[in-house]
Amino acid sequence: MVSERPAVRIVEVNAVRLSYREGGDPKGAPVVLLHGSGSDAATWDRFVVRLAAGGYRCIALDLRGHATSARTADYSLTSIRNDVLHLLETLALQDAILIGHSVGGYAALAAALHSPGRVSRLVLEDLAAPPRSATGMSATGLVRGLLAAVGVLTERRTYELRAVASILRQLSRPDPEWWARLGDVRPPTLILSGGPTSCIPPQRLAEVAAAVPGAELVTIPVGHRVHSLAPDRFAAEVTAFLSEPGVAHPEYTSAASSSTGRSTAPTPDRGRRRAADDQVVADGSGTVGRSWWDATEAGTGRASGFS
């Protein structure tokens, strides 16, 4: 039976109590959605309705230190990745589709690199990519931009400030090893850029897309929170990507019962670089949409995260 409204559940993974919202068809192909720092799983509710209509099983996780998930002493990016991996194991999810926004995208990518056999496809929305080197693109610009949203969110925040501060410190450090491993990404990958008004430089995401084998790069120039500020266009791009050959159909057959039921070979249309607006290009020129720091969920009137 398909669930029309997400059910809030609790699971202990990696010795940490985490909350998540589950909706859609329990027998459908699993989609795990990971929010950015300063946000929570509810940010995906509207998109989950679209996915549920397509027959997917949707699991939106509250990252540690956020919403009703546990506050911990450890907010390392490795621990957040491990939470995702343990969630997949605890819920026995095979061939999971990982969709992550910002820091959630970083965690999704890290999980896919660690355990590629568990991940069928990646969607990385305005991925929080660390700088390649100290002399490359400014790391402080990213941190300044993300911290600017704290003033919007502090009054009603549902996250631990220490968690956000720790995450931003880690992402501000140049990480050439992270960049070197991008060529090892195996699942088909869609990267969505928020364009020139985002705190994530479009050129940086273009470089990520060039390094990930066969990755698609799509620009929707509305700023950092693409899924909130352009929900219809975001949903259209993602659902089209999931319908391409090489992705598990919503009528899901787990790898445990059929290890050869799904092909992950590259398809002819993978690897294209395109923009949702013809005038927008990877270097950030062209049409400018709404500013990234508009962190208010469209239609709800509430601030709900910035990364």
C-alpha atoms as a PDB file:
ATOM      1  CA  MET A   1       0.000   0.000   0.000  1.00  0.00           C
ATOM      2  CA  VAL A   2       1.349   3.424  -1.014  1.00  0.00           C
ATOM      3  CA  SER A   3       1.713   5.909   1.849  1.00  0.00           C
ATOM      4  CA  GLU A   4       0.413   9.365   0.908  1.00  0.00           C
ATOM      5  CA  ARG A   5       1.896  11.124   3.949  1.00  0.00           C
ATOM      6  CA  PRO A   6       5.413  10.495   5.246  1.00  0.00           C
ATOM      7  CA  ALA A   7       5.598   8.483   8.454  1.00  0.00           C
ATOM      8  CA  VAL A   8       8.215   9.597  10.992  1.00  0.00           C
ATOM      9  CA  ARG A   9      10.353   6.723  12.216  1.00  0.00           C
ATOM     10  CA  ILE A  10      13.375   6.257  14.473  1.00  0.00           C
ATOM     11  CA  VAL A  11      16.330   3.973  13.915  1.00  0.00           C
ATOM     12  CA  GLU A  12      19.621   3.530  15.727  1.00  0.00           C
ATOM     13  CA  VAL A  13      22.472   3.345  13.276  1.00  0.00           C
ATOM     14  CA  ASN A  14      26.179   3.582  13.956  1.00  0.00           C
ATOM     15  CA  ALA A  15      25.242   3.843  17.669  1.00  0.00           C
ATOM     16  CA  VAL A  16      23.378   7.099  16.965  1.00  0.00           C
ATOM     17  CA  ARG A  17      19.618   7.623  17.175  1.00  0.00           C
ATOM     18  CA  LEU A  18      18.407   9.024  13.842  1.00  0.00           C
ATOM     19  CA  SER A  19      14.956  10.021  12.683  1.00  0.00           C
ATOM     20  CA  TYR A  20      13.680   9.684   9.147  1.00  0.00           C
ATOM     21  CA  ARG A  21      10.495  10.212   7.174  1.00  0.00           C
ATOM     22  CA  GLU A  22       9.225   7.386   4.976  1.00  0.00           C
ATOM     23  CA  GLY A  23       6.607   7.527   2.244  1.00  0.00           C
ATOM     24  CA  GLY A  24       5.689   6.003  -1.080  1.00  0.00           C
ATOM     25  CA  ASP A  25       5.427   2.340  -2.022  1.00  0.00           C
ATOM     26  CA  PRO A  26       7.140   0.058   0.541  1.00  0.00           C
ATOM     27  CA  LYS A  27       7.898  -2.359  -2.307  1.00  0.00           C
ATOM     28  CA  GLY A  28       9.232   0.280  -4.656  1.00  0.00           C
ATOM     29  CA  ALA A  29      12.819   1.067  -5.551  1.00  0.00           C
ATOM     30  CA  PRO A  30      14.364   2.835  -2.528  1.00  0.00           C
ATOM     31  CA  VAL A  31      15.258   6.508  -2.720  1.00  0.00           C
ATOM     32  CA  VAL A  32      17.224   7.983   0.200  1.00  0.00           C
ATOM     33  CA  LEU A  33      17.066  11.765   0.457  1.00  0.00           C
ATOM     34  CA  LEU A  34      19.700  13.717   2.390  1.00  0.00           C
ATOM     35  CA  HIS A  35      19.202  17.370   3.325  1.00  0.00           C
ATOM     36  CA  GLY A  36      21.881  20.012   3.774  1.00  0.00           C
ATOM     37  CA  SER A  37      23.206  21.417   7.042  1.00  0.00           C
ATOM     38  CA  GLY A  38      20.734  23.623   8.848  1.00  0.00           C
ATOM     39  CA  SER A  39      17.753  21.921   7.214  1.00  0.00           C
ATOM     40  CA  ASP A  40      15.801  18.729   7.929  1.00  0.00           C
ATOM     41  CA  ALA A  41      14.066  15.817   6.237  1.00  0.00           C
ATOM     42  CA  ALA A  42      10.780  17.710   5.870  1.00  0.00           C
ATOM     43  CA  THR A  43      12.377  19.829   3.146  1.00  0.00           C
ATOM     44  CA  TRP A  44      11.791  16.875   0.792  1.00  0.00           C
ATOM     45  CA  ASP A  45       8.074  16.388   1.525  1.00  0.00           C
ATOM     46  CA  ARG A  46       6.791  17.967  -1.700  1.00  0.00           C
ATOM     47  CA  PHE A  47       9.280  16.067  -3.824  1.00  0.00           C
ATOM     48  CA  VAL A  48       8.417  12.809  -2.041  1.00  0.00           C
ATOM     49  CA  VAL A  49       4.837  13.223  -3.294  1.00  0.00           C
ATOM     50  CA  ARG A  50       6.192  13.228  -6.870  1.00  0.00           C
ATOM     51  CA  LEU A  51       8.395  10.215  -6.274  1.00  0.00           C
ATOM     52  CA  ALA A  52       5.634   8.292  -4.497  1.00  0.00           C
ATOM     53  CA  ALA A  53       3.375   8.850  -7.491  1.00  0.00           C
ATOM     54  CA  GLY A  54       6.060   7.161  -9.578  1.00  0.00           C
ATOM     55  CA  GLY A  55       6.087   4.099  -7.335  1.00  0.00           C
ATOM     56  CA  TYR A  56       9.273   4.734  -5.363  1.00  0.00           C
ATOM     57  CA  ARG A  57       9.909   4.047  -1.689  1.00  0.00           C
ATOM     58  CA  CYS A  58      11.186   7.307  -0.176  1.00  0.00           C
ATOM     59  CA  ILE A  59      13.302   7.636   2.957  1.00  0.00           C
ATOM     60  CA  ALA A  60      14.323  11.154   4.002  1.00  0.00           C
ATOM     61  CA  LEU A  61      16.909  11.158   6.772  1.00  0.00           C
ATOM     62  CA  ASP A  62      17.474  13.806   9.443  1.00  0.00           C
ATOM     63  CA  LEU A  63      21.266  14.102   9.668  1.00  0.00           C
ATOM     64  CA  ARG A  64      22.835  13.818  13.110  1.00  0.00           C
ATOM     65  CA  GLY A  65      22.572  17.098  14.978  1.00  0.00           C
ATOM     66  CA  HIS A  66      19.442  18.089  13.046  1.00  0.00           C
ATOM     67  CA  ALA A  67      15.706  18.015  13.834  1.00  0.00           C
ATOM     68  CA  THR A  68      14.955  15.094  16.158  1.00  0.00           C
ATOM     69  CA  SER A  69      18.105  13.114  15.367  1.00  0.00           C
ATOM     70  CA  ALA A  70      20.636  12.813  18.179  1.00  0.00           C
ATOM     71  CA  ARG A  71      23.126  15.498  19.118  1.00  0.00           C
ATOM     72  CA  THR A  72      26.566  13.920  19.303  1.00  0.00           C
ATOM     73  CA  ALA A  73      30.182  14.772  20.062  1.00  0.00           C
ATOM     74  CA  ASP A  74      31.230  13.843  16.535  1.00  0.00           C
ATOM     75  CA  TYR A  75      30.120  15.719  13.418  1.00  0.00           C
ATOM     76  CA  SER A  76      32.873  14.581  11.110  1.00  0.00           C
ATOM     77  CA  LEU A  77      31.933  14.166   7.470  1.00  0.00           C
ATOM     78  CA  THR A  78      33.105  10.566   7.718  1.00  0.00           C
ATOM     79  CA  SER A  79      30.631   9.898  10.538  1.00  0.00           C
ATOM     80  CA  ILE A  80      27.792  11.414   8.522  1.00  0.00           C
ATOM     81  CA  ARG A  81      28.743   9.180   5.597  1.00  0.00           C
ATOM     82  CA  ASN A  82      28.796   6.175   7.905  1.00  0.00           C
ATOM     83  CA  ASP A  83      25.314   7.043   9.168  1.00  0.00           C
ATOM     84  CA  VAL A  84      24.063   6.783   5.585  1.00  0.00           C
ATOM     85  CA  LEU A  85      25.824   3.470   5.041  1.00  0.00           C
ATOM     86  CA  HIS A  86      24.503   2.005   8.285  1.00  0.00           C
ATOM     87  CA  LEU A  87      21.002   3.198   7.409  1.00  0.00           C
ATOM     88  CA  LEU A  88      21.186   1.325   4.100  1.00  0.00           C
ATOM     89  CA  GLU A  89      22.351  -1.778   5.944  1.00  0.00           C
ATOM     90  CA  THR A  90      19.844  -1.528   8.804  1.00  0.00           C
ATOM     91  CA  LEU A  91      16.888  -1.093   6.441  1.00  0.00           C
ATOM     92  CA  ALA A  92      18.303  -3.730   4.049  1.00  0.00           C
ATOM     93  CA  LEU A  93      18.276  -1.319   1.112  1.00  0.00           C
ATOM     94  CA  GLN A  94      19.937  -2.564  -2.054  1.00  0.00           C
ATOM     95  CA  ASP A  95      20.422  -0.586  -5.267  1.00  0.00           C
ATOM     96  CA  ALA A  96      19.380   2.580  -3.457  1.00  0.00           C
ATOM     97  CA  ILE A  97      19.069   5.877  -5.296  1.00  0.00           C
ATOM     98  CA  LEU A  98      20.792   8.578  -3.233  1.00  0.00           C
ATOM     99  CA  ILE A  99      19.629  12.179  -3.622  1.00  0.00           C
ATOM    100  CA  GLY A 100      21.517  14.767  -1.612  1.00  0.00           C
ATOM    101  CA  HIS A 101      21.461  18.541  -1.312  1.00  0.00           C
ATOM    102  CA  SER A 102      24.673  20.419  -0.494  1.00  0.00           C
ATOM    103  CA  VAL A 103      26.234  18.614   2.491  1.00  0.00           C
ATOM    104  CA  GLY A 104      23.728  15.807   1.907  1.00  0.00           C
ATOM    105  CA  GLY A 105      25.160  15.517  -1.594  1.00  0.00           C
ATOM    106  CA  TYR A 106      28.648  15.260  -0.132  1.00  0.00           C
ATOM    107  CA  ALA A 107      27.463  12.410   2.121  1.00  0.00           C
ATOM    108  CA  ALA A 108      25.684  10.657  -0.758  1.00  0.00           C
ATOM    109  CA  LEU A 109      28.788  10.812  -2.942  1.00  0.00           C
ATOM    110  CA  ALA A 110      30.997   9.575  -0.104  1.00  0.00           C
ATOM    111  CA  ALA A 111      28.658   6.635   0.534  1.00  0.00           C
ATOM    112  CA  ALA A 112      28.681   5.699  -3.148  1.00  0.00           C
ATOM    113  CA  LEU A 113      32.484   5.792  -3.247  1.00  0.00           C
ATOM    114  CA  HIS A 114      32.706   3.608  -0.144  1.00  0.00           C
ATOM    115  CA  SER A 115      30.027   1.043  -1.110  1.00  0.00           C
ATOM    116  CA  PRO A 116      29.225   1.330  -4.832  1.00  0.00           C
ATOM    117  CA  GLY A 117      27.397  -1.997  -4.804  1.00  0.00           C
ATOM    118  CA  ARG A 118      24.623  -0.533  -2.640  1.00  0.00           C
ATOM    119  CA  VAL A 119      23.958   2.547  -4.773  1.00  0.00           C
ATOM    120  CA  SER A 120      22.225   2.453  -8.157  1.00  0.00           C
ATOM    121  CA  ARG A 121      22.236   6.166  -8.946  1.00  0.00           C
ATOM    122  CA  LEU A 122      23.308   9.551  -7.547  1.00  0.00           C
ATOM    123  CA  VAL A 123      21.611  12.944  -7.695  1.00  0.00           C
ATOM    124  CA  LEU A 124      23.784  15.744  -6.273  1.00  0.00           C
ATOM    125  CA  GLU A 125      21.967  19.057  -5.879  1.00  0.00           C
ATOM    126  CA  ASP A 126      24.319  22.035  -5.529  1.00  0.00           C
ATOM    127  CA  LEU A 127      26.912  19.711  -4.048  1.00  0.00           C
ATOM    128  CA  ALA A 128      29.065  21.156  -1.252  1.00  0.00           C
ATOM    129  CA  ALA A 129      32.345  20.454  -3.009  1.00  0.00           C
ATOM    130  CA  PRO A 130      35.485  21.413  -1.059  1.00  0.00           C
ATOM    131  CA  PRO A 131      38.130  23.582  -2.734  1.00  0.00           C
ATOM    132  CA  ARG A 132      40.705  21.673  -4.738  1.00  0.00           C
ATOM    133  CA  SER A 133      43.666  23.617  -3.357  1.00  0.00           C
ATOM    134  CA  ALA A 134      44.519  26.580  -1.161  1.00  0.00           C
ATOM    135  CA  THR A 135      45.292  28.628  -4.265  1.00  0.00           C
ATOM    136  CA  GLY A 136      42.109  27.637  -6.059  1.00  0.00           C
ATOM    137  CA  MET A 137      38.620  29.059  -5.685  1.00  0.00           C
ATOM    138  CA  SER A 138      37.967  30.766  -2.369  1.00  0.00           C
ATOM    139  CA  ALA A 139      36.903  28.498   0.466  1.00  0.00           C
ATOM    140  CA  THR A 140      36.087  31.460   2.680  1.00  0.00           C
ATOM    141  CA  GLY A 141      33.508  32.633   0.148  1.00  0.00           C
ATOM    142  CA  LEU A 142      31.544  29.426   0.582  1.00  0.00           C
ATOM    143  CA  VAL A 143      31.698  29.616   4.370  1.00  0.00           C
ATOM    144  CA  ARG A 144      30.754  33.317   4.397  1.00  0.00           C
ATOM    145  CA  GLY A 145      27.786  32.609   2.172  1.00  0.00           C
ATOM    146  CA  LEU A 146      26.493  29.741   4.243  1.00  0.00           C
ATOM    147  CA  LEU A 147      26.998  31.562   7.515  1.00  0.00           C
ATOM    148  CA  ALA A 148      25.056  34.545   6.178  1.00  0.00           C
ATOM    149  CA  ALA A 149      21.931  32.402   6.352  1.00  0.00           C
ATOM    150  CA  VAL A 150      22.356  31.748  10.077  1.00  0.00           C
ATOM    151  CA  GLY A 151      20.780  35.112  10.824  1.00  0.00           C
ATOM    152  CA  VAL A 152      17.681  34.016   8.903  1.00  0.00           C
ATOM    153  CA  LEU A 153      17.421  30.701  10.660  1.00  0.00           C
ATOM    154  CA  THR A 154      18.606  31.166  14.231  1.00  0.00           C
ATOM    155  CA  GLU A 155      15.247  32.206  15.663  1.00  0.00           C
ATOM    156  CA  ARG A 156      13.526  28.941  14.733  1.00  0.00           C
ATOM    157  CA  ARG A 157      16.465  26.642  14.179  1.00  0.00           C
ATOM    158  CA  THR A 158      16.046  22.902  14.697  1.00  0.00           C
ATOM    159  CA  TYR A 159      19.717  22.005  14.454  1.00  0.00           C
ATOM    160  CA  GLU A 160      22.744  22.211  16.707  1.00  0.00           C
ATOM    161  CA  LEU A 161      24.961  25.159  15.819  1.00  0.00           C
ATOM    162  CA  ARG A 162      28.046  23.135  16.692  1.00  0.00           C
ATOM    163  CA  ALA A 163      27.093  20.590  14.036  1.00  0.00           C
ATOM    164  CA  VAL A 164      26.816  23.231  11.331  1.00  0.00           C
ATOM    165  CA  ALA A 165      30.029  24.952  12.404  1.00  0.00           C
ATOM    166  CA  SER A 166      31.934  21.663  12.340  1.00  0.00           C
ATOM    167  CA  ILE A 167      30.642  20.757   8.884  1.00  0.00           C
ATOM    168  CA  LEU A 168      31.511  24.152   7.433  1.00  0.00           C
ATOM    169  CA  ARG A 169      35.022  24.065   8.898  1.00  0.00           C
ATOM    170  CA  GLN A 170      35.666  20.699   7.267  1.00  0.00           C
ATOM    171  CA  LEU A 171      34.287  21.777   3.895  1.00  0.00           C
ATOM    172  CA  SER A 172      36.399  24.942   3.868  1.00  0.00           C
ATOM    173  CA  ARG A 173      39.640  22.941   3.850  1.00  0.00           C
ATOM    174  CA  PRO A 174      41.252  22.146   0.492  1.00  0.00           C
ATOM    175  CA  ASP A 175      40.875  18.421  -0.213  1.00  0.00           C
ATOM    176  CA  PRO A 176      42.881  17.285  -3.265  1.00  0.00           C
ATOM    177  CA  GLU A 177      42.333  13.628  -2.287  1.00  0.00           C
ATOM    178  CA  TRP A 178      38.552  14.093  -2.555  1.00  0.00           C
ATOM    179  CA  TRP A 179      38.988  15.492  -6.053  1.00  0.00           C
ATOM    180  CA  ALA A 180      41.334  12.665  -7.027  1.00  0.00           C
ATOM    181  CA  ARG A 181      38.707  10.061  -6.111  1.00  0.00           C
ATOM    182  CA  LEU A 182      35.938  11.493  -8.287  1.00  0.00           C
ATOM    183  CA  GLY A 183      37.091   9.320 -11.165  1.00  0.00           C
ATOM    184  CA  ASP A 184      36.187   6.271  -9.076  1.00  0.00           C
ATOM    185  CA  VAL A 185      32.466   7.122  -8.906  1.00  0.00           C
ATOM    186  CA  ARG A 186      30.569   4.226 -10.485  1.00  0.00           C
ATOM    187  CA  PRO A 187      26.805   4.937 -10.278  1.00  0.00           C
ATOM    188  CA  PRO A 188      25.229   7.107 -12.992  1.00  0.00           C
ATOM    189  CA  THR A 189      25.293  10.647 -11.627  1.00  0.00           C
ATOM    190  CA  LEU A 190      23.231  13.805 -12.121  1.00  0.00           C
ATOM    191  CA  ILE A 191      24.673  17.069 -10.781  1.00  0.00           C
ATOM    192  CA  LEU A 192      22.350  20.055 -10.410  1.00  0.00           C
ATOM    193  CA  SER A 193      23.803  23.557 -10.103  1.00  0.00           C
ATOM    194  CA  GLY A 194      21.867  26.517  -8.725  1.00  0.00           C
ATOM    195  CA  GLY A 195      23.726  28.847 -11.058  1.00  0.00           C
ATOM    196  CA  PRO A 196      25.581  32.113 -10.453  1.00  0.00           C
ATOM    197  CA  THR A 197      23.556  33.238  -7.417  1.00  0.00           C
ATOM    198  CA  SER A 198      24.377  30.077  -5.468  1.00  0.00           C
ATOM    199  CA  CYS A 199      27.066  29.986  -2.800  1.00  0.00           C
ATOM    200  CA  ILE A 200      28.463  26.945  -4.618  1.00  0.00           C
ATOM    201  CA  PRO A 201      30.440  28.268  -7.610  1.00  0.00           C
ATOM    202  CA  PRO A 202      29.022  26.846 -10.871  1.00  0.00           C
ATOM    203  CA  GLN A 203      32.522  26.437 -12.268  1.00  0.00           C
ATOM    204  CA  ARG A 204      33.427  24.203  -9.327  1.00  0.00           C
ATOM    205  CA  LEU A 205      30.452  21.940 -10.061  1.00  0.00           C
ATOM    206  CA  ALA A 206      31.391  21.915 -13.742  1.00  0.00           C
ATOM    207  CA  GLU A 207      34.810  20.630 -12.711  1.00  0.00           C
ATOM    208  CA  VAL A 208      33.198  17.960 -10.531  1.00  0.00           C
ATOM    209  CA  ALA A 209      30.983  16.867 -13.421  1.00  0.00           C
ATOM    210  CA  ALA A 210      33.994  16.673 -15.722  1.00  0.00           C
ATOM    211  CA  ALA A 211      35.804  14.436 -13.209  1.00  0.00           C
ATOM    212  CA  VAL A 212      32.921  12.015 -12.531  1.00  0.00           C
ATOM    213  CA  PRO A 213      32.683   9.450 -15.356  1.00  0.00           C
ATOM    214  CA  GLY A 214      29.635  10.107 -17.523  1.00  0.00           C
ATOM    215  CA  ALA A 215      28.055  12.613 -15.153  1.00  0.00           C
ATOM    216  CA  GLU A 216      25.286  14.932 -16.326  1.00  0.00           C
ATOM    217  CA  LEU A 217      25.382  18.588 -15.315  1.00  0.00           C
ATOM    218  CA  VAL A 218      22.162  20.629 -15.283  1.00  0.00           C
ATOM    219  CA  THR A 219      21.902  24.299 -14.302  1.00  0.00           C
ATOM    220  CA  ILE A 220      18.673  25.679 -12.845  1.00  0.00           C
ATOM    221  CA  PRO A 221      19.579  29.293 -11.978  1.00  0.00           C
ATOM    222  CA  VAL A 222      17.570  29.926  -8.814  1.00  0.00           C
ATOM    223  CA  GLY A 223      20.294  29.725  -6.183  1.00  0.00           C
ATOM    224  CA  HIS A 224      21.427  27.118  -3.697  1.00  0.00           C
ATOM    225  CA  ARG A 225      18.068  25.564  -2.754  1.00  0.00           C
ATOM    226  CA  VAL A 226      17.007  24.311  -6.158  1.00  0.00           C
ATOM    227  CA  HIS A 227      14.467  21.759  -4.904  1.00  0.00           C
ATOM    228  CA  SER A 228      12.703  24.464  -2.862  1.00  0.00           C
ATOM    229  CA  LEU A 229      12.905  27.446  -5.212  1.00  0.00           C
ATOM    230  CA  ALA A 230      12.205  25.574  -8.471  1.00  0.00           C
ATOM    231  CA  PRO A 231      10.368  22.418  -7.331  1.00  0.00           C
ATOM    232  CA  ASP A 232       8.721  21.626 -10.661  1.00  0.00           C
ATOM    233  CA  ARG A 233      11.883  21.963 -12.701  1.00  0.00           C
ATOM    234  CA  PHE A 234      13.887  20.075 -10.097  1.00  0.00           C
ATOM    235  CA  ALA A 235      11.362  17.225 -10.104  1.00  0.00           C
ATOM    236  CA  ALA A 236      11.261  17.124 -13.893  1.00  0.00           C
ATOM    237  CA  GLU A 237      15.037  16.863 -14.214  1.00  0.00           C
ATOM    238  CA  VAL A 238      15.396  14.229 -11.503  1.00  0.00           C
ATOM    239  CA  THR A 239      12.502  12.024 -12.609  1.00  0.00           C
ATOM    240  CA  ALA A 240      13.713  12.167 -16.205  1.00  0.00           C
ATOM    241  CA  PHE A 241      17.166  11.099 -15.039  1.00  0.00           C
ATOM    242  CA  LEU A 242      15.728   8.226 -13.001  1.00  0.00           C
ATOM    243  CA  SER A 243      13.763   7.014 -16.005  1.00  0.00           C
ATOM    244  CA  GLU A 244      16.864   6.702 -18.166  1.00  0.00           C
ATOM    245  CA  PRO A 245      18.151   3.168 -18.892  1.00  0.00           C
ATOM    246  CA  GLY A 246      20.316   1.701 -16.172  1.00  0.00           C
ATOM    247  CA  VAL A 247      18.108   2.643 -13.222  1.00  0.00           C
ATOM    248  CA  ALA A 248      16.019   0.196 -11.227  1.00  0.00           C
ATOM    249  CA  HIS A 249      12.328   0.432 -12.114  1.00  0.00           C
ATOM    250  CA  PRO A 250       9.955   1.342  -9.281  1.00  0.00           C
ATOM    251  CA  GLU A 251       8.696  -2.258  -9.458  1.00  0.00           C
ATOM    252  CA  TYR A 252      11.733  -3.090  -7.430  1.00  0.00           C
ATOM    253  CA  THR A 253      13.666  -6.354  -7.374  1.00  0.00           C
ATOM    254  CA  SER A 254      16.416  -6.321  -4.773  1.00  0.00           C
ATOM    255  CA  ALA A 255      19.960  -7.330  -5.591  1.00  0.00           C
ATOM    256  CA  ALA A 256      19.617 -10.132  -3.080  1.00  0.00           C
ATOM    257  CA  SER A 257      17.074 -11.875  -5.297  1.00  0.00           C
ATOM    258  CA  SER A 258      18.354 -10.834  -8.717  1.00  0.00           C
ATOM    259  CA  SER A 259      21.898  -9.582  -9.002  1.00  0.00           C
ATOM    260  CA  THR A 260      21.686  -9.371 -12.796  1.00  0.00           C
ATOM    261  CA  GLY A 261      18.308  -7.670 -13.104  1.00  0.00           C
ATOM    262  CA  ARG A 262      19.708  -4.171 -13.671  1.00  0.00           C
ATOM    263  CA  SER A 263      22.331  -2.823 -16.010  1.00  0.00           C
ATOM    264  CA  THR A 264      24.514   0.045 -14.860  1.00  0.00           C
ATOM    265  CA  ALA A 265      26.383   0.405 -18.131  1.00  0.00           C
ATOM    266  CA  PRO A 266      26.650   3.970 -19.425  1.00  0.00           C
ATOM    267  CA  THR A 267      23.872   4.949 -21.815  1.00  0.00           C
ATOM    268  CA  PRO A 268      24.427   7.023 -24.976  1.00  0.00           C
ATOM    269  CA  ASP A 269      22.870  10.191 -23.551  1.00  0.00           C
ATOM    270  CA  ARG A 270      24.861  10.170 -20.330  1.00  0.00           C
ATOM    271  CA  GLY A 271      27.658  12.640 -19.943  1.00  0.00           C
ATOM    272  CA  ARG A 272      25.867  15.526 -21.644  1.00  0.00           C
ATOM    273  CA  ARG A 273      26.448  18.975 -20.219  1.00  0.00           C
ATOM    274  CA  ARG A 274      23.331  21.136 -20.442  1.00  0.00           C
ATOM    275  CA  ALA A 275      21.517  24.011 -18.779  1.00  0.00           C
ATOM    276  CA  ALA A 276      17.850  24.240 -17.893  1.00  0.00           C
ATOM    277  CA  ASP A 277      17.995  27.818 -19.216  1.00  0.00           C
ATOM    278  CA  ASP A 278      19.639  28.227 -22.607  1.00  0.00           C
ATOM    279  CA  GLN A 279      21.458  31.374 -21.485  1.00  0.00           C
ATOM    280  CA  VAL A 280      23.080  29.802 -18.435  1.00  0.00           C
ATOM    281  CA  VAL A 281      26.487  28.228 -18.817  1.00  0.00           C
ATOM    282  CA  ALA A 282      28.812  26.413 -16.450  1.00  0.00           C
ATOM    283  CA  ASP A 283      30.982  29.445 -15.714  1.00  0.00           C
ATOM    284  CA  GLY A 284      28.030  31.244 -14.163  1.00  0.00           C
ATOM    285  CA  SER A 285      27.239  33.724 -16.943  1.00  0.00           C
ATOM    286  CA  GLY A 286      23.733  34.344 -18.225  1.00  0.00           C
ATOM    287  CA  THR A 287      20.391  34.629 -16.529  1.00  0.00           C
ATOM    288  CA  VAL A 288      20.402  35.170 -12.783  1.00  0.00           C
ATOM    289  CA  GLY A 289      17.571  33.728 -10.744  1.00  0.00           C
ATOM    290  CA  ARG A 290      16.476  34.338  -7.145  1.00  0.00           C
ATOM    291  CA  SER A 291      19.254  34.786  -4.632  1.00  0.00           C
ATOM    292  CA  TRP A 292      20.507  31.660  -2.893  1.00  0.00           C
ATOM    293  CA  TRP A 293      20.047  33.077   0.573  1.00  0.00           C
ATOM    294  CA  ASP A 294      16.279  33.117   0.115  1.00  0.00           C
ATOM    295  CA  ALA A 295      15.964  30.063   2.351  1.00  0.00           C
ATOM    296  CA  THR A 296      12.208  30.236   2.784  1.00  0.00           C
ATOM    297  CA  GLU A 297      10.333  27.182   1.558  1.00  0.00           C
ATOM    298  CA  ALA A 298       8.021  28.257  -1.277  1.00  0.00           C
ATOM    299  CA  GLY A 299       4.448  28.145  -0.124  1.00  0.00           C
ATOM    300  CA  THR A 300       5.181  27.461   3.545  1.00  0.00           C
ATOM    301  CA  GLY A 301       6.483  30.817   4.736  1.00  0.00           C
ATOM    302  CA  ARG A 302       9.065  29.196   6.974  1.00  0.00           C
ATOM    303  CA  ALA A 303      12.821  29.204   6.896  1.00  0.00           C
ATOM    304  CA  SER A 304      14.153  25.704   6.628  1.00  0.00           C
ATOM    305  CA  GLY A 305      17.887  25.490   6.244  1.00  0.00           C
ATOM    306  CA  PHE A 306      20.612  26.988   4.160  1.00  0.00           C
ATOM    307  CA  SER A 307      23.030  24.285   3.082  1.00  0.00           C
END
